Amino acid sequence: MSHPNFEITESCSTTIVALKGTIGIVEVDLLDAQLGSIADKKPALVVLDLAGLSMIGSSAMGSLIGFRRDVAKSGGVVRMAAVSPIVRESFKRSLLDKLFKIFDTVQAAIDAPTK
């Protein structure tokens, strides 16, 4: 599935969600809908590929927190990968870097042990 700000790739054990550009208040409803449909499938592992994300607003951060909670309810794990320095600083200020495991690459996020 694709949208200018979201690209979703699903395999049997991993879902990769690439977020791109700017995700602000305008995109939050669509982000919530996309993430909700992914959470409904009860994935074992979701990797948020943030290499192309240049800015994320606080409402979108809230969406990611809710998504993590929904995936965890079914025993799944959400990880972040390839976070730019600017976005990483936003996550650090909002303490999202404490809530999500952040990896340098998507492959590292996929390969890391789940427990």
PDB file of N, CA and C in Angstrom:
ATOM      1  N   MET A   1       0.853  -1.174   0.000  1.00  0.00           N
ATOM      2  CA  MET A   1       0.000   0.000   0.000  1.00  0.00           C
ATOM      3  C   MET A   1       0.895   1.231   0.000  1.00  0.00           C
ATOM      4  N   SER A   2       0.478   2.288  -0.692  1.00  0.00           N
ATOM      5  CA  SER A   2       1.337   3.453  -0.800  1.00  0.00           C
ATOM      6  C   SER A   2       0.524   4.739  -0.703  1.00  0.00           C
ATOM      7  N   HIS A   3       1.134   5.756  -0.172  1.00  0.00           N
ATOM      8  CA  HIS A   3       0.607   7.101  -0.042  1.00  0.00           C
ATOM      9  C   HIS A   3       1.841   7.986  -0.089  1.00  0.00           C
ATOM     10  N   PRO A   4       1.724   9.240  -0.477  1.00  0.00           N
ATOM     11  CA  PRO A   4       2.930  10.064  -0.529  1.00  0.00           C
ATOM     12  C   PRO A   4       3.759  10.072   0.764  1.00  0.00           C
ATOM     13  N   ASN A   5       3.126   9.909   1.909  1.00  0.00           N
ATOM     14  CA  ASN A   5       3.848   9.933   3.179  1.00  0.00           C
ATOM     15  C   ASN A   5       4.038   8.557   3.814  1.00  0.00           C
ATOM     16  N   PHE A   6       3.400   7.520   3.268  1.00  0.00           N
ATOM     17  CA  PHE A   6       3.469   6.195   3.875  1.00  0.00           C
ATOM     18  C   PHE A   6       3.663   5.135   2.802  1.00  0.00           C
ATOM     19  N   GLU A   7       4.518   4.174   3.091  1.00  0.00           N
ATOM     20  CA  GLU A   7       4.644   3.011   2.224  1.00  0.00           C
ATOM     21  C   GLU A   7       4.712   1.787   3.127  1.00  0.00           C
ATOM     22  N   ILE A   8       3.831   0.829   2.887  1.00  0.00           N
ATOM     23  CA  ILE A   8       3.722  -0.348   3.748  1.00  0.00           C
ATOM     24  C   ILE A   8       4.095  -1.584   2.953  1.00  0.00           C
ATOM     25  N   THR A   9       5.033  -2.357   3.509  1.00  0.00           N
ATOM     26  CA  THR A   9       5.464  -3.608   2.900  1.00  0.00           C
ATOM     27  C   THR A   9       5.254  -4.713   3.921  1.00  0.00           C
ATOM     28  N   GLU A  10       4.497  -5.741   3.546  1.00  0.00           N
ATOM     29  CA  GLU A  10       4.201  -6.830   4.471  1.00  0.00           C
ATOM     30  C   GLU A  10       4.807  -8.131   3.971  1.00  0.00           C
ATOM     31  N   SER A  11       5.419  -8.867   4.890  1.00  0.00           N
ATOM     32  CA  SER A  11       5.859 -10.230   4.599  1.00  0.00           C
ATOM     33  C   SER A  11       5.198 -11.124   5.636  1.00  0.00           C
ATOM     34  N   CYS A  12       5.525 -12.395   5.628  1.00  0.00           N
ATOM     35  CA  CYS A  12       4.855 -13.315   6.550  1.00  0.00           C
ATOM     36  C   CYS A  12       5.139 -12.991   8.015  1.00  0.00           C
ATOM     37  N   SER A  13       6.298 -12.450   8.331  1.00  0.00           N
ATOM     38  CA  SER A  13       6.614 -12.224   9.738  1.00  0.00           C
ATOM     39  C   SER A  13       6.899 -10.773  10.093  1.00  0.00           C
ATOM     40  N   THR A  14       7.048  -9.907   9.109  1.00  0.00           N
ATOM     41  CA  THR A  14       7.437  -8.519   9.382  1.00  0.00           C
ATOM     42  C   THR A  14       6.643  -7.562   8.508  1.00  0.00           C
ATOM     43  N   THR A  15       6.242  -6.466   9.105  1.00  0.00           N
ATOM     44  CA  THR A  15       5.626  -5.371   8.364  1.00  0.00           C
ATOM     45  C   THR A  15       6.550  -4.169   8.480  1.00  0.00           C
ATOM     46  N   ILE A  16       6.893  -3.580   7.344  1.00  0.00           N
ATOM     47  CA  ILE A  16       7.733  -2.388   7.339  1.00  0.00           C
ATOM     48  C   ILE A  16       6.866  -1.217   6.912  1.00  0.00           C
ATOM     49  N   VAL A  17       6.865  -0.183   7.725  1.00  0.00           N
ATOM     50  CA  VAL A  17       6.110   1.027   7.435  1.00  0.00           C
ATOM     51  C   VAL A  17       7.120   2.151   7.247  1.00  0.00           C
ATOM     52  N   ALA A  18       7.261   2.613   6.015  1.00  0.00           N
ATOM     53  CA  ALA A  18       8.170   3.721   5.719  1.00  0.00           C
ATOM     54  C   ALA A  18       7.369   5.019   5.780  1.00  0.00           C
ATOM     55  N   LEU A  19       7.781   5.894   6.671  1.00  0.00           N
ATOM     56  CA  LEU A  19       7.161   7.216   6.781  1.00  0.00           C
ATOM     57  C   LEU A  19       8.082   8.216   6.097  1.00  0.00           C
ATOM     58  N   LYS A  20       7.499   9.117   5.299  1.00  0.00           N
ATOM     59  CA  LYS A  20       8.308  10.022   4.483  1.00  0.00           C
ATOM     60  C   LYS A  20       7.824  11.451   4.609  1.00  0.00           C
ATOM     61  N   GLY A  21       8.728  12.365   4.382  1.00  0.00           N
ATOM     62  CA  GLY A  21       8.385  13.776   4.359  1.00  0.00           C
ATOM     63  C   GLY A  21       8.023  14.298   5.733  1.00  0.00           C
ATOM     64  N   THR A  22       6.937  15.028   5.780  1.00  0.00           N
ATOM     65  CA  THR A  22       6.461  15.640   7.017  1.00  0.00           C
ATOM     66  C   THR A  22       5.149  14.982   7.416  1.00  0.00           C
ATOM     67  N   ILE A  23       5.080  14.543   8.666  1.00  0.00           N
ATOM     68  CA  ILE A  23       3.836  13.981   9.189  1.00  0.00           C
ATOM     69  C   ILE A  23       3.366  14.923  10.297  1.00  0.00           C
ATOM     70  N   GLY A  24       2.372  15.718   9.977  1.00  0.00           N
ATOM     71  CA  GLY A  24       1.838  16.691  10.921  1.00  0.00           C
ATOM     72  C   GLY A  24       0.358  16.449  11.162  1.00  0.00           C
ATOM     73  N   ILE A  25      -0.301  17.447  11.650  1.00  0.00           N
ATOM     74  CA  ILE A  25      -1.720  17.351  12.024  1.00  0.00           C
ATOM     75  C   ILE A  25      -2.589  16.976  10.820  1.00  0.00           C
ATOM     76  N   VAL A  26      -2.228  17.427   9.631  1.00  0.00           N
ATOM     77  CA  VAL A  26      -3.027  17.155   8.436  1.00  0.00           C
ATOM     78  C   VAL A  26      -3.022  15.666   8.095  1.00  0.00           C
ATOM     79  N   GLU A  27      -1.899  15.000   8.335  1.00  0.00           N
ATOM     80  CA  GLU A  27      -1.753  13.599   7.956  1.00  0.00           C
ATOM     81  C   GLU A  27      -2.138  12.619   9.060  1.00  0.00           C
ATOM     82  N   VAL A  28      -2.451  13.099  10.260  1.00  0.00           N
ATOM     83  CA  VAL A  28      -2.662  12.212  11.412  1.00  0.00           C
ATOM     84  C   VAL A  28      -3.841  11.257  11.213  1.00  0.00           C
ATOM     85  N   ASP A  29      -4.953  11.720  10.689  1.00  0.00           N
ATOM     86  CA  ASP A  29      -6.103  10.827  10.507  1.00  0.00           C
ATOM     87  C   ASP A  29      -5.768   9.676   9.567  1.00  0.00           C
ATOM     88  N   LEU A  30      -5.087   9.977   8.487  1.00  0.00           N
ATOM     89  CA  LEU A  30      -4.697   8.932   7.549  1.00  0.00           C
ATOM     90  C   LEU A  30      -3.663   8.001   8.193  1.00  0.00           C
ATOM     91  N   LEU A  31      -2.716   8.571   8.934  1.00  0.00           N
ATOM     92  CA  LEU A  31      -1.732   7.757   9.645  1.00  0.00           C
ATOM     93  C   LEU A  31      -2.427   6.809  10.611  1.00  0.00           C
ATOM     94  N   ASP A  32      -3.370   7.331  11.388  1.00  0.00           N
ATOM     95  CA  ASP A  32      -4.120   6.487  12.332  1.00  0.00           C
ATOM     96  C   ASP A  32      -4.845   5.348  11.613  1.00  0.00           C
ATOM     97  N   ALA A  33      -5.461   5.657  10.481  1.00  0.00           N
ATOM     98  CA  ALA A  33      -6.187   4.632   9.723  1.00  0.00           C
ATOM     99  C   ALA A  33      -5.232   3.554   9.212  1.00  0.00           C
ATOM    100  N   GLN A  34      -4.093   3.970   8.675  1.00  0.00           N
ATOM    101  CA  GLN A  34      -3.118   3.013   8.155  1.00  0.00           C
ATOM    102  C   GLN A  34      -2.558   2.138   9.279  1.00  0.00           C
ATOM    103  N   LEU A  35      -2.165   2.772  10.374  1.00  0.00           N
ATOM    104  CA  LEU A  35      -1.609   2.016  11.492  1.00  0.00           C
ATOM    105  C   LEU A  35      -2.658   1.112  12.131  1.00  0.00           C
ATOM    106  N   GLY A  36      -3.891   1.585  12.198  1.00  0.00           N
ATOM    107  CA  GLY A  36      -4.972   0.765  12.748  1.00  0.00           C
ATOM    108  C   GLY A  36      -5.205  -0.491  11.938  1.00  0.00           C
ATOM    109  N   SER A  37      -5.151  -0.363  10.612  1.00  0.00           N
ATOM    110  CA  SER A  37      -5.353  -1.549   9.768  1.00  0.00           C
ATOM    111  C   SER A  37      -4.197  -2.532   9.927  1.00  0.00           C
ATOM    112  N   ILE A  38      -3.010  -2.025  10.163  1.00  0.00           N
ATOM    113  CA  ILE A  38      -1.863  -2.913  10.409  1.00  0.00           C
ATOM    114  C   ILE A  38      -2.023  -3.605  11.755  1.00  0.00           C
ATOM    115  N   ALA A  39      -2.361  -2.868  12.798  1.00  0.00           N
ATOM    116  CA  ALA A  39      -2.522  -3.449  14.138  1.00  0.00           C
ATOM    117  C   ALA A  39      -3.609  -4.516  14.149  1.00  0.00           C
ATOM    118  N   ASP A  40      -4.665  -4.316  13.372  1.00  0.00           N
ATOM    119  CA  ASP A  40      -5.753  -5.298  13.302  1.00  0.00           C
ATOM    120  C   ASP A  40      -5.286  -6.661  12.790  1.00  0.00           C
ATOM    121  N   LYS A  41      -4.198  -6.678  12.030  1.00  0.00           N
ATOM    122  CA  LYS A  41      -3.665  -7.933  11.496  1.00  0.00           C
ATOM    123  C   LYS A  41      -2.777  -8.663  12.498  1.00  0.00           C
ATOM    124  N   LYS A  42      -2.566  -8.063  13.672  1.00  0.00           N
ATOM    125  CA  LYS A  42      -1.770  -8.660  14.749  1.00  0.00           C
ATOM    126  C   LYS A  42      -0.363  -9.087  14.282  1.00  0.00           C
ATOM    127  N   PRO A  43       0.409  -8.151  13.768  1.00  0.00           N
ATOM    128  CA  PRO A  43       1.744  -8.505  13.290  1.00  0.00           C
ATOM    129  C   PRO A  43       2.688  -8.847  14.437  1.00  0.00           C
ATOM    130  N   ALA A  44       3.623  -9.752  14.168  1.00  0.00           N
ATOM    131  CA  ALA A  44       4.628 -10.109  15.173  1.00  0.00           C
ATOM    132  C   ALA A  44       5.673  -9.012  15.303  1.00  0.00           C
ATOM    133  N   LEU A  45       6.050  -8.410  14.182  1.00  0.00           N
ATOM    134  CA  LEU A  45       7.074  -7.365  14.180  1.00  0.00           C
ATOM    135  C   LEU A  45       6.717  -6.293  13.168  1.00  0.00           C
ATOM    136  N   VAL A  46       6.755  -5.052  13.628  1.00  0.00           N
ATOM    137  CA  VAL A  46       6.585  -3.908  12.739  1.00  0.00           C
ATOM    138  C   VAL A  46       7.831  -3.042  12.883  1.00  0.00           C
ATOM    139  N   VAL A  47       8.420  -2.707  11.751  1.00  0.00           N
ATOM    140  CA  VAL A  47       9.560  -1.798  11.734  1.00  0.00           C
ATOM    141  C   VAL A  47       9.109  -0.500  11.080  1.00  0.00           C
ATOM    142  N   LEU A  48       9.245   0.587  11.807  1.00  0.00           N
ATOM    143  CA  LEU A  48       8.952   1.907  11.272  1.00  0.00           C
ATOM    144  C   LEU A  48      10.239   2.441  10.663  1.00  0.00           C
ATOM    145  N   ASP A  49      10.298   2.485   9.342  1.00  0.00           N
ATOM    146  CA  ASP A  49      11.463   2.970   8.615  1.00  0.00           C
ATOM    147  C   ASP A  49      11.314   4.482   8.481  1.00  0.00           C
ATOM    148  N   LEU A  50      12.140   5.215   9.205  1.00  0.00           N
ATOM    149  CA  LEU A  50      11.992   6.667   9.261  1.00  0.00           C
ATOM    150  C   LEU A  50      13.085   7.405   8.488  1.00  0.00           C
ATOM    151  N   ALA A  51      13.783   6.701   7.603  1.00  0.00           N
ATOM    152  CA  ALA A  51      14.874   7.310   6.839  1.00  0.00           C
ATOM    153  C   ALA A  51      14.406   8.518   6.035  1.00  0.00           C
ATOM    154  N   GLY A  52      13.194   8.472   5.514  1.00  0.00           N
ATOM    155  CA  GLY A  52      12.688   9.552   4.682  1.00  0.00           C
ATOM    156  C   GLY A  52      11.854  10.576   5.425  1.00  0.00           C
ATOM    157  N   LEU A  53      11.766  10.441   6.740  1.00  0.00           N
ATOM    158  CA  LEU A  53      10.935  11.358   7.527  1.00  0.00           C
ATOM    159  C   LEU A  53      11.748  12.581   7.923  1.00  0.00           C
ATOM    160  N   SER A  54      11.274  13.751   7.530  1.00  0.00           N
ATOM    161  CA  SER A  54      12.005  14.983   7.837  1.00  0.00           C
ATOM    162  C   SER A  54      11.458  15.713   9.053  1.00  0.00           C
ATOM    163  N   MET A  55      10.177  15.482   9.389  1.00  0.00           N
ATOM    164  CA  MET A  55       9.574  16.131  10.548  1.00  0.00           C
ATOM    165  C   MET A  55       8.352  15.339  10.972  1.00  0.00           C
ATOM    166  N   ILE A  56       8.146  15.254  12.295  1.00  0.00           N
ATOM    167  CA  ILE A  56       6.953  14.598  12.821  1.00  0.00           C
ATOM    168  C   ILE A  56       6.373  15.473  13.926  1.00  0.00           C
ATOM    169  N   GLY A  57       5.077  15.710  13.841  1.00  0.00           N
ATOM    170  CA  GLY A  57       4.406  16.527  14.839  1.00  0.00           C
ATOM    171  C   GLY A  57       4.003  15.720  16.059  1.00  0.00           C
ATOM    172  N   SER A  58       3.634  16.415  17.105  1.00  0.00           N
ATOM    173  CA  SER A  58       3.287  15.752  18.365  1.00  0.00           C
ATOM    174  C   SER A  58       2.055  14.862  18.233  1.00  0.00           C
ATOM    175  N   SER A  59       1.097  15.248  17.408  1.00  0.00           N
ATOM    176  CA  SER A  59      -0.085  14.400  17.208  1.00  0.00           C
ATOM    177  C   SER A  59       0.299  13.078  16.556  1.00  0.00           C
ATOM    178  N   ALA A  60       1.203  13.127  15.598  1.00  0.00           N
ATOM    179  CA  ALA A  60       1.676  11.908  14.941  1.00  0.00           C
ATOM    180  C   ALA A  60       2.481  11.051  15.918  1.00  0.00           C
ATOM    181  N   MET A  61       3.246  11.686  16.795  1.00  0.00           N
ATOM    182  CA  MET A  61       3.961  10.928  17.827  1.00  0.00           C
ATOM    183  C   MET A  61       2.967  10.184  18.710  1.00  0.00           C
ATOM    184  N   GLY A  62       1.873  10.846  19.045  1.00  0.00           N
ATOM    185  CA  GLY A  62       0.823  10.193  19.819  1.00  0.00           C
ATOM    186  C   GLY A  62       0.239   9.002  19.087  1.00  0.00           C
ATOM    187  N   SER A  63       0.102   9.117  17.782  1.00  0.00           N
ATOM    188  CA  SER A  63      -0.380   7.992  16.966  1.00  0.00           C
ATOM    189  C   SER A  63       0.573   6.814  17.050  1.00  0.00           C
ATOM    190  N   LEU A  64       1.872   7.079  17.010  1.00  0.00           N
ATOM    191  CA  LEU A  64       2.861   6.007  17.097  1.00  0.00           C
ATOM    192  C   LEU A  64       2.817   5.322  18.458  1.00  0.00           C
ATOM    193  N   ILE A  65       2.597   6.088  19.502  1.00  0.00           N
ATOM    194  CA  ILE A  65       2.490   5.510  20.850  1.00  0.00           C
ATOM    195  C   ILE A  65       1.263   4.598  20.932  1.00  0.00           C
ATOM    196  N   GLY A  66       0.134   5.062  20.424  1.00  0.00           N
ATOM    197  CA  GLY A  66      -1.077   4.244  20.422  1.00  0.00           C
ATOM    198  C   GLY A  66      -0.914   2.992  19.579  1.00  0.00           C
ATOM    199  N   PHE A  67      -0.236   3.117  18.459  1.00  0.00           N
ATOM    200  CA  PHE A  67       0.029   1.976  17.588  1.00  0.00           C
ATOM    201  C   PHE A  67       0.887   0.944  18.305  1.00  0.00           C
ATOM    202  N   ARG A  68       1.924   1.403  18.974  1.00  0.00           N
ATOM    203  CA  ARG A  68       2.785   0.490  19.729  1.00  0.00           C
ATOM    204  C   ARG A  68       1.968  -0.282  20.760  1.00  0.00           C
ATOM    205  N   ARG A  69       1.096   0.422  21.466  1.00  0.00           N
ATOM    206  CA  ARG A  69       0.241  -0.203  22.474  1.00  0.00           C
ATOM    207  C   ARG A  69      -0.674  -1.252  21.844  1.00  0.00           C
ATOM    208  N   ASP A  70      -1.284  -0.918  20.715  1.00  0.00           N
ATOM    209  CA  ASP A  70      -2.204  -1.843  20.048  1.00  0.00           C
ATOM    210  C   ASP A  70      -1.489  -3.094  19.548  1.00  0.00           C
ATOM    211  N   VAL A  71      -0.305  -2.931  18.998  1.00  0.00           N
ATOM    212  CA  VAL A  71       0.463  -4.079  18.511  1.00  0.00           C
ATOM    213  C   VAL A  71       0.915  -4.942  19.690  1.00  0.00           C
ATOM    214  N   ALA A  72       1.328  -4.320  20.770  1.00  0.00           N
ATOM    215  CA  ALA A  72       1.786  -5.060  21.959  1.00  0.00           C
ATOM    216  C   ALA A  72       0.661  -5.879  22.589  1.00  0.00           C
ATOM    217  N   LYS A  73      -0.580  -5.399  22.487  1.00  0.00           N
ATOM    218  CA  LYS A  73      -1.716  -6.142  23.049  1.00  0.00           C
ATOM    219  C   LYS A  73      -1.834  -7.539  22.451  1.00  0.00           C
ATOM    220  N   SER A  74      -1.411  -7.696  21.199  1.00  0.00           N
ATOM    221  CA  SER A  74      -1.480  -9.011  20.558  1.00  0.00           C
ATOM    222  C   SER A  74      -0.119  -9.707  20.564  1.00  0.00           C
ATOM    223  N   GLY A  75       0.810  -9.212  21.379  1.00  0.00           N
ATOM    224  CA  GLY A  75       2.113  -9.847  21.514  1.00  0.00           C
ATOM    225  C   GLY A  75       3.151  -9.405  20.506  1.00  0.00           C
ATOM    226  N   GLY A  76       2.842  -8.404  19.709  1.00  0.00           N
ATOM    227  CA  GLY A  76       3.783  -7.926  18.696  1.00  0.00           C
ATOM    228  C   GLY A  76       4.735  -6.873  19.226  1.00  0.00           C
ATOM    229  N   VAL A  77       5.706  -6.530  18.396  1.00  0.00           N
ATOM    230  CA  VAL A  77       6.749  -5.570  18.742  1.00  0.00           C
ATOM    231  C   VAL A  77       6.834  -4.522  17.641  1.00  0.00           C
ATOM    232  N   VAL A  78       7.023  -3.266  18.042  1.00  0.00           N
ATOM    233  CA  VAL A  78       7.237  -2.174  17.093  1.00  0.00           C
ATOM    234  C   VAL A  78       8.629  -1.595  17.351  1.00  0.00           C
ATOM    235  N   ARG A  79       9.406  -1.474  16.277  1.00  0.00           N
ATOM    236  CA  ARG A  79      10.750  -0.907  16.365  1.00  0.00           C
ATOM    237  C   ARG A  79      10.877   0.230  15.360  1.00  0.00           C
ATOM    238  N   MET A  80      11.810   1.131  15.631  1.00  0.00           N
ATOM    239  CA  MET A  80      12.103   2.227  14.705  1.00  0.00           C
ATOM    240  C   MET A  80      13.477   2.008  14.106  1.00  0.00           C
ATOM    241  N   ALA A  81      13.637   2.477  12.870  1.00  0.00           N
ATOM    242  CA  ALA A  81      14.927   2.333  12.200  1.00  0.00           C
ATOM    243  C   ALA A  81      15.234   3.557  11.347  1.00  0.00           C
ATOM    244  N   ALA A  82      16.540   3.804  11.192  1.00  0.00           N
ATOM    245  CA  ALA A  82      17.041   4.838  10.278  1.00  0.00           C
ATOM    246  C   ALA A  82      16.456   6.213  10.583  1.00  0.00           C
ATOM    247  N   VAL A  83      16.477   6.587  11.836  1.00  0.00           N
ATOM    248  CA  VAL A  83      15.898   7.862  12.273  1.00  0.00           C
ATOM    249  C   VAL A  83      16.910   8.984  12.039  1.00  0.00           C
ATOM    250  N   SER A  84      16.484  10.027  11.344  1.00  0.00           N
ATOM    251  CA  SER A  84      17.379  11.154  11.072  1.00  0.00           C
ATOM    252  C   SER A  84      17.704  11.884  12.374  1.00  0.00           C
ATOM    253  N   PRO A  85      18.803  12.618  12.403  1.00  0.00           N
ATOM    254  CA  PRO A  85      19.165  13.343  13.629  1.00  0.00           C
ATOM    255  C   PRO A  85      18.088  14.322  14.101  1.00  0.00           C
ATOM    256  N   ILE A  86      17.432  14.997  13.177  1.00  0.00           N
ATOM    257  CA  ILE A  86      16.399  15.964  13.571  1.00  0.00           C
ATOM    258  C   ILE A  86      15.205  15.260  14.203  1.00  0.00           C
ATOM    259  N   VAL A  87      14.757  14.186  13.591  1.00  0.00           N
ATOM    260  CA  VAL A  87      13.615  13.435  14.131  1.00  0.00           C
ATOM    261  C   VAL A  87      14.022  12.745  15.436  1.00  0.00           C
ATOM    262  N   ARG A  88      15.237  12.235  15.494  1.00  0.00           N
ATOM    263  CA  ARG A  88      15.726  11.592  16.726  1.00  0.00           C
ATOM    264  C   ARG A  88      15.718  12.588  17.890  1.00  0.00           C
ATOM    265  N   GLU A  89      16.085  13.822  17.625  1.00  0.00           N
ATOM    266  CA  GLU A  89      16.071  14.850  18.675  1.00  0.00           C
ATOM    267  C   GLU A  89      14.637  15.101  19.158  1.00  0.00           C
ATOM    268  N   SER A  90      13.678  15.108  18.232  1.00  0.00           N
ATOM    269  CA  SER A  90      12.265  15.255  18.629  1.00  0.00           C
ATOM    270  C   SER A  90      11.831  14.093  19.505  1.00  0.00           C
ATOM    271  N   PHE A  91      12.250  12.880  19.136  1.00  0.00           N
ATOM    272  CA  PHE A  91      11.916  11.698  19.936  1.00  0.00           C
ATOM    273  C   PHE A  91      12.572  11.765  21.309  1.00  0.00           C
ATOM    274  N   LYS A  92      13.795  12.258  21.340  1.00  0.00           N
ATOM    275  CA  LYS A  92      14.507  12.368  22.615  1.00  0.00           C
ATOM    276  C   LYS A  92      13.807  13.358  23.545  1.00  0.00           C
ATOM    277  N   ARG A  93      13.405  14.491  23.001  1.00  0.00           N
ATOM    278  CA  ARG A  93      12.720  15.517  23.810  1.00  0.00           C
ATOM    279  C   ARG A  93      11.369  15.033  24.327  1.00  0.00           C
ATOM    280  N   SER A  94      10.710  14.180  23.573  1.00  0.00           N
ATOM    281  CA  SER A  94       9.396  13.669  23.980  1.00  0.00           C
ATOM    282  C   SER A  94       9.497  12.300  24.663  1.00  0.00           C
ATOM    283  N   LEU A  95      10.722  11.816  24.850  1.00  0.00           N
ATOM    284  CA  LEU A  95      11.016  10.543  25.521  1.00  0.00           C
ATOM    285  C   LEU A  95      10.580   9.315  24.722  1.00  0.00           C
ATOM    286  N   LEU A  96      10.262   9.492  23.444  1.00  0.00           N
ATOM    287  CA  LEU A  96       9.927   8.330  22.615  1.00  0.00           C
ATOM    288  C   LEU A  96      11.127   7.410  22.422  1.00  0.00           C
ATOM    289  N   ASP A  97      12.329   7.954  22.554  1.00  0.00           N
ATOM    290  CA  ASP A  97      13.520   7.120  22.433  1.00  0.00           C
ATOM    291  C   ASP A  97      13.630   6.130  23.590  1.00  0.00           C
ATOM    292  N   LYS A  98      12.894   6.373  24.673  1.00  0.00           N
ATOM    293  CA  LYS A  98      12.853   5.440  25.802  1.00  0.00           C
ATOM    294  C   LYS A  98      11.764   4.386  25.612  1.00  0.00           C
ATOM    295  N   LEU A  99      10.743   4.716  24.827  1.00  0.00           N
ATOM    296  CA  LEU A  99       9.606   3.823  24.620  1.00  0.00           C
ATOM    297  C   LEU A  99       9.836   2.840  23.474  1.00  0.00           C
ATOM    298  N   PHE A 100      10.513   3.294  22.432  1.00  0.00           N
ATOM    299  CA  PHE A 100      10.766   2.472  21.252  1.00  0.00           C
ATOM    300  C   PHE A 100      12.244   2.096  21.180  1.00  0.00           C
ATOM    301  N   LYS A 101      12.521   0.886  20.733  1.00  0.00           N
ATOM    302  CA  LYS A 101      13.894   0.520  20.404  1.00  0.00           C
ATOM    303  C   LYS A 101      14.187   1.107  19.034  1.00  0.00           C
ATOM    304  N   ILE A 102      15.311   1.806  18.943  1.00  0.00           N
ATOM    305  CA  ILE A 102      15.691   2.469  17.696  1.00  0.00           C
ATOM    306  C   ILE A 102      16.967   1.827  17.166  1.00  0.00           C
ATOM    307  N   PHE A 103      16.945   1.458  15.886  1.00  0.00           N
ATOM    308  CA  PHE A 103      18.065   0.789  15.234  1.00  0.00           C
ATOM    309  C   PHE A 103      18.589   1.658  14.096  1.00  0.00           C
ATOM    310  N   ASP A 104      19.853   1.466  13.757  1.00  0.00           N
ATOM    311  CA  ASP A 104      20.468   2.257  12.689  1.00  0.00           C
ATOM    312  C   ASP A 104      19.894   1.941  11.315  1.00  0.00           C
ATOM    313  N   THR A 105      19.520   0.677  11.099  1.00  0.00           N
ATOM    314  CA  THR A 105      19.000   0.267   9.797  1.00  0.00           C
ATOM    315  C   THR A 105      17.747  -0.590   9.970  1.00  0.00           C
ATOM    316  N   VAL A 106      16.977  -0.695   8.910  1.00  0.00           N
ATOM    317  CA  VAL A 106      15.800  -1.563   8.915  1.00  0.00           C
ATOM    318  C   VAL A 106      16.235  -3.015   9.130  1.00  0.00           C
ATOM    319  N   GLN A 107      17.290  -3.420   8.446  1.00  0.00           N
ATOM    320  CA  GLN A 107      17.750  -4.809   8.582  1.00  0.00           C
ATOM    321  C   GLN A 107      18.171  -5.127  10.015  1.00  0.00           C
ATOM    322  N   ALA A 108      18.836  -4.203  10.677  1.00  0.00           N
ATOM    323  CA  ALA A 108      19.224  -4.417  12.075  1.00  0.00           C
ATOM    324  C   ALA A 108      17.990  -4.564  12.966  1.00  0.00           C
ATOM    325  N   ALA A 109      16.946  -3.783  12.675  1.00  0.00           N
ATOM    326  CA  ALA A 109      15.702  -3.892  13.441  1.00  0.00           C
ATOM    327  C   ALA A 109      15.025  -5.246  13.222  1.00  0.00           C
ATOM    328  N   ILE A 110      15.085  -5.741  12.007  1.00  0.00           N
ATOM    329  CA  ILE A 110      14.488  -7.043  11.689  1.00  0.00           C
ATOM    330  C   ILE A 110      15.280  -8.164  12.344  1.00  0.00           C
ATOM    331  N   ASP A 111      16.605  -8.068  12.288  1.00  0.00           N
ATOM    332  CA  ASP A 111      17.469  -9.151  12.763  1.00  0.00           C
ATOM    333  C   ASP A 111      17.608  -9.228  14.277  1.00  0.00           C
ATOM    334  N   ALA A 112      17.307  -8.162  14.990  1.00  0.00           N
ATOM    335  CA  ALA A 112      17.494  -8.160  16.448  1.00  0.00           C
ATOM    336  C   ALA A 112      16.541  -9.156  17.117  1.00  0.00           C
ATOM    337  N   PRO A 113      16.990  -9.797  18.192  1.00  0.00           N
ATOM    338  CA  PRO A 113      16.107 -10.727  18.910  1.00  0.00           C
ATOM    339  C   PRO A 113      14.854 -10.003  19.416  1.00  0.00           C
ATOM    340  N   THR A 114      13.740 -10.701  19.432  1.00  0.00           N
ATOM    341  CA  THR A 114      12.491 -10.064  19.854  1.00  0.00           C
ATOM    342  C   THR A 114      12.336  -9.989  21.372  1.00  0.00           C
ATOM    343  N   LYS A 115      13.067 -10.738  22.121  1.00  0.00           N
ATOM    344  CA  LYS A 115      12.933 -10.683  23.580  1.00  0.00           C
ATOM    345  C   LYS A 115      14.210 -10.238  24.223  1.00  0.00           C
TER     346      LYS A 115
END
